C-alpha atoms as a PDB file:
ATOM      1  CA  UNK A   1     220.326  89.956 216.347  1.00  0.00           C
ATOM      2  CA  UNK A   2     222.345  91.892 218.477  1.00  0.00           C
ATOM      3  CA  UNK A   3     223.438  89.857 221.532  1.00  0.00           C
ATOM      4  CA  UNK A   4     222.412  91.752 224.486  1.00  0.00           C
ATOM      5  CA  UNK A   5     224.163  91.511 227.714  1.00  0.00           C
ATOM      6  CA  UNK A   6     222.761  89.396 230.340  1.00  0.00           C
ATOM      7  CA  UNK A   7     224.139  90.036 233.663  1.00  0.00           C
ATOM      8  CA  UNK A   8     223.277  87.144 235.820  1.00  0.00           C
ATOM      9  CA  UNK A   9     222.902  87.518 240.141  1.00  0.00           C
ATOM     10  CA  UNK A  10     223.117  83.983 242.327  1.00  0.00           C
ATOM     11  CA  UNK A  11     222.321  84.561 245.856  1.00  0.00           C
ATOM     12  CA  UNK A  12     223.918  81.860 247.824  1.00  0.00           C
ATOM     13  CA  UNK A  13     225.163  81.026 251.474  1.00  0.00           C
ATOM     14  CA  UNK A  14     226.644  77.355 252.224  1.00  0.00           C
ATOM     15  CA  UNK A  15     225.737  75.792 248.487  1.00  0.00           C
ATOM     16  CA  UNK A  16     228.535  74.076 248.489  1.00  0.00           C
ATOM     17  CA  UNK A  17     226.909  70.846 247.167  1.00  0.00           C
ATOM     18  CA  UNK A  18     224.999  73.094 244.124  1.00  0.00           C
ATOM     19  CA  UNK A  19     227.580  75.824 243.403  1.00  0.00           C
ATOM     20  CA  UNK A  20     229.688  74.126 240.839  1.00  0.00           C
ATOM     21  CA  UNK A  21     226.520  72.797 238.605  1.00  0.00           C
ATOM     22  CA  UNK A  22     224.789  76.053 238.854  1.00  0.00           C
ATOM     23  CA  UNK A  23     227.867  77.695 237.442  1.00  0.00           C
ATOM     24  CA  UNK A  24     228.929  75.345 234.807  1.00  0.00           C
ATOM     25  CA  UNK A  25     224.983  75.785 233.347  1.00  0.00           C
ATOM     26  CA  UNK A  26     225.862  79.364 232.613  1.00  0.00           C
ATOM     27  CA  UNK A  27     229.389  79.000 231.438  1.00  0.00           C
ATOM     28  CA  UNK A  28     227.733  76.318 228.686  1.00  0.00           C
ATOM     29  CA  UNK A  29     225.593  78.895 227.795  1.00  0.00           C
ATOM     30  CA  UNK A  30     225.915  78.700 223.800  1.00  0.00           C
ATOM     31  CA  UNK A  31     225.704  82.203 224.421  1.00  0.00           C
ATOM     32  CA  UNK A  32     228.818  84.515 225.040  1.00  0.00           C
ATOM     33  CA  UNK A  33     227.898  87.676 225.964  1.00  0.00           C
ATOM     34  CA  UNK A  34     226.641  87.609 229.799  1.00  0.00           C
ATOM     35  CA  UNK A  35     228.542  87.962 233.318  1.00  0.00           C
ATOM     36  CA  UNK A  36     227.978  86.173 236.194  1.00  0.00           C
ATOM     37  CA  UNK A  37     227.984  87.808 239.874  1.00  0.00           C
ATOM     38  CA  UNK A  38     227.718  85.269 243.137  1.00  0.00           C
ATOM     39  CA  UNK A  39     226.530  87.053 246.035  1.00  0.00           C
ATOM     40  CA  UNK A  40     227.917  84.882 248.927  1.00  0.00           C
ATOM     41  CA  UNK A  41     226.618  85.898 252.681  1.00  0.00           C
ATOM     42  CA  UNK A  42     229.197  84.426 254.145  1.00  0.00           C
ATOM     43  CA  UNK A  43     229.319  81.060 253.783  1.00  0.00           C
ATOM     44  CA  UNK A  44     231.090  78.394 256.358  1.00  0.00           C
ATOM     45  CA  UNK A  45     231.533  75.976 254.195  1.00  0.00           C
ATOM     46  CA  UNK A  46     233.102  75.846 249.861  1.00  0.00           C
ATOM     47  CA  UNK A  47     230.864  77.684 248.445  1.00  0.00           C
ATOM     48  CA  UNK A  48     233.297  79.947 247.838  1.00  0.00           C
ATOM     49  CA  UNK A  49     236.070  78.311 246.824  1.00  0.00           C
ATOM     50  CA  UNK A  50     234.693  75.951 244.654  1.00  0.00           C
ATOM     51  CA  UNK A  51     233.407  79.426 242.835  1.00  0.00           C
ATOM     52  CA  UNK A  52     236.950  81.045 242.966  1.00  0.00           C
ATOM     53  CA  UNK A  53     237.447  78.025 240.125  1.00  0.00           C
ATOM     54  CA  UNK A  54     235.711  79.343 237.504  1.00  0.00           C
ATOM     55  CA  UNK A  55     236.755  82.348 235.462  1.00  0.00           C
ATOM     56  CA  UNK A  56     234.605  85.186 234.247  1.00  0.00           C
ATOM     57  CA  UNK A  57     232.863  84.834 237.465  1.00  0.00           C
ATOM     58  CA  UNK A  58     232.705  87.873 240.540  1.00  0.00           C
ATOM     59  CA  UNK A  59     232.075  86.467 243.730  1.00  0.00           C
ATOM     60  CA  UNK A  60     231.071  89.252 246.525  1.00  0.00           C
ATOM     61  CA  UNK A  61     231.143  87.663 250.173  1.00  0.00           C
ATOM     62  CA  UNK A  62     229.657  89.698 253.103  1.00  0.00           C
ATOM     63  CA  UNK A  63     226.606  88.892 255.292  1.00  0.00           C
ATOM     64  CA  UNK A  64     223.384  90.056 253.893  1.00  0.00           C
ATOM     65  CA  UNK A  65     219.557  90.259 254.779  1.00  0.00           C
ATOM     66  CA  UNK A  66     218.244  86.972 253.289  1.00  0.00           C
ATOM     67  CA  UNK A  67     217.983  85.938 249.183  1.00  0.00           C
ATOM     68  CA  UNK A  68     216.416  89.144 248.221  1.00  0.00           C
ATOM     69  CA  UNK A  69     218.923  91.754 249.679  1.00  0.00           C
ATOM     70  CA  UNK A  70     221.839  89.901 248.119  1.00  0.00           C
ATOM     71  CA  UNK A  71     219.995  89.657 244.748  1.00  0.00           C
ATOM     72  CA  UNK A  72     219.572  93.465 244.821  1.00  0.00           C
ATOM     73  CA  UNK A  73     223.101  94.336 245.716  1.00  0.00           C
ATOM     74  CA  UNK A  74     223.752  91.812 242.955  1.00  0.00           C
ATOM     75  CA  UNK A  75     221.657  94.115 240.647  1.00  0.00           C
ATOM     76  CA  UNK A  76     223.599  97.410 241.900  1.00  0.00           C
ATOM     77  CA  UNK A  77     226.678  95.800 240.370  1.00  0.00           C
ATOM     78  CA  UNK A  78     225.319  94.093 237.212  1.00  0.00           C
ATOM     79  CA  UNK A  79     225.986  96.199 233.918  1.00  0.00           C
ATOM     80  CA  UNK A  80     223.840  94.398 231.126  1.00  0.00           C
ATOM     81  CA  UNK A  81     220.549  95.000 229.806  1.00  0.00           C
ATOM     82  CA  UNK A  82     218.714  91.921 231.170  1.00  0.00           C
ATOM     83  CA  UNK A  83     219.328  90.839 234.518  1.00  0.00           C
ATOM     84  CA  UNK A  84     218.521  87.912 236.130  1.00  0.00           C
ATOM     85  CA  UNK A  85     219.431  85.425 239.015  1.00  0.00           C
ATOM     86  CA  UNK A  86     219.446  82.019 239.590  1.00  0.00           C
ATOM     87  CA  UNK A  87     219.650  80.997 243.011  1.00  0.00           C
ATOM     88  CA  UNK A  88     222.892  78.226 243.493  1.00  0.00           C
ATOM     89  CA  UNK A  89     220.221  74.763 243.449  1.00  0.00           C
ATOM     90  CA  UNK A  90     219.281  75.710 240.059  1.00  0.00           C
ATOM     91  CA  UNK A  91     220.621  75.538 236.791  1.00  0.00           C
ATOM     92  CA  UNK A  92     219.818  77.160 232.726  1.00  0.00           C
ATOM     93  CA  UNK A  93     219.487  74.845 229.778  1.00  0.00           C
ATOM     94  CA  UNK A  94     221.886  75.429 227.281  1.00  0.00           C
ATOM     95  CA  UNK A  95     219.495  77.325 225.109  1.00  0.00           C
ATOM     96  CA  UNK A  96     218.150  79.892 227.728  1.00  0.00           C
ATOM     97  CA  UNK A  97     220.228  82.612 227.236  1.00  0.00           C
ATOM     98  CA  UNK A  98     219.116  82.793 223.674  1.00  0.00           C
ATOM     99  CA  UNK A  99     216.472  82.654 224.266  1.00  0.00           C
ATOM    100  CA  UNK A 100     216.389  85.246 226.949  1.00  0.00           C
ATOM    101  CA  UNK A 101     217.586  87.310 224.100  1.00  0.00           C
ATOM    102  CA  UNK A 102     215.016  86.868 221.974  1.00  0.00           C
ATOM    103  CA  UNK A 103     212.295  87.500 224.135  1.00  0.00           C
ATOM    104  CA  UNK A 104     213.599  91.066 225.338  1.00  0.00           C
ATOM    105  CA  UNK A 105     214.063  91.892 221.353  1.00  0.00           C
ATOM    106  CA  UNK A 106     210.569  91.073 220.794  1.00  0.00           C
ATOM    107  CA  UNK A 107     209.399  93.873 223.389  1.00  0.00           C
ATOM    108  CA  UNK A 108     209.045  90.989 226.763  1.00  0.00           C
ATOM    109  CA  UNK A 109     209.314  93.229 229.698  1.00  0.00           C
ATOM    110  CA  UNK A 110     209.230  90.288 232.448  1.00  0.00           C
ATOM    111  CA  UNK A 111     209.922  86.624 232.253  1.00  0.00           C
ATOM    112  CA  UNK A 112     209.732  83.744 233.965  1.00  0.00           C
ATOM    113  CA  UNK A 113     210.997  79.981 233.944  1.00  0.00           C
ATOM    114  CA  UNK A 114     208.491  77.249 236.322  1.00  0.00           C
ATOM    115  CA  UNK A 115     210.180  73.570 236.025  1.00  0.00           C
ATOM    116  CA  UNK A 116     212.093  73.785 233.664  1.00  0.00           C
ATOM    117  CA  UNK A 117     214.464  70.289 234.044  1.00  0.00           C
ATOM    118  CA  UNK A 118     217.959  69.389 233.849  1.00  0.00           C
ATOM    119  CA  UNK A 119     219.615  66.145 234.450  1.00  0.00           C
END
């Protein structure tokens, strides 16, 4: 099955405590065709510096009107065929993108994950 490009938008504000684990959960996917856009709401902590350590992460740092505004702005920048968002204090399991790609290939148009746990 063709790997569709997945665009991940992560809204964050002062998320230095969580952002690295979030980024790593995306970069450790068993799937290569993705982009990661971090929409930082003007953090005053070390969030942007932590995120900047990683390749293949686009960081936009600007004031916004909250999480949903940031997600919408990120989706406008996205180039993928599948759009997802992952909050900065959440993570994906390593096979999440494979499942997303499979589901979309089966005609699923909307998918959500609740209570996925990774420690």
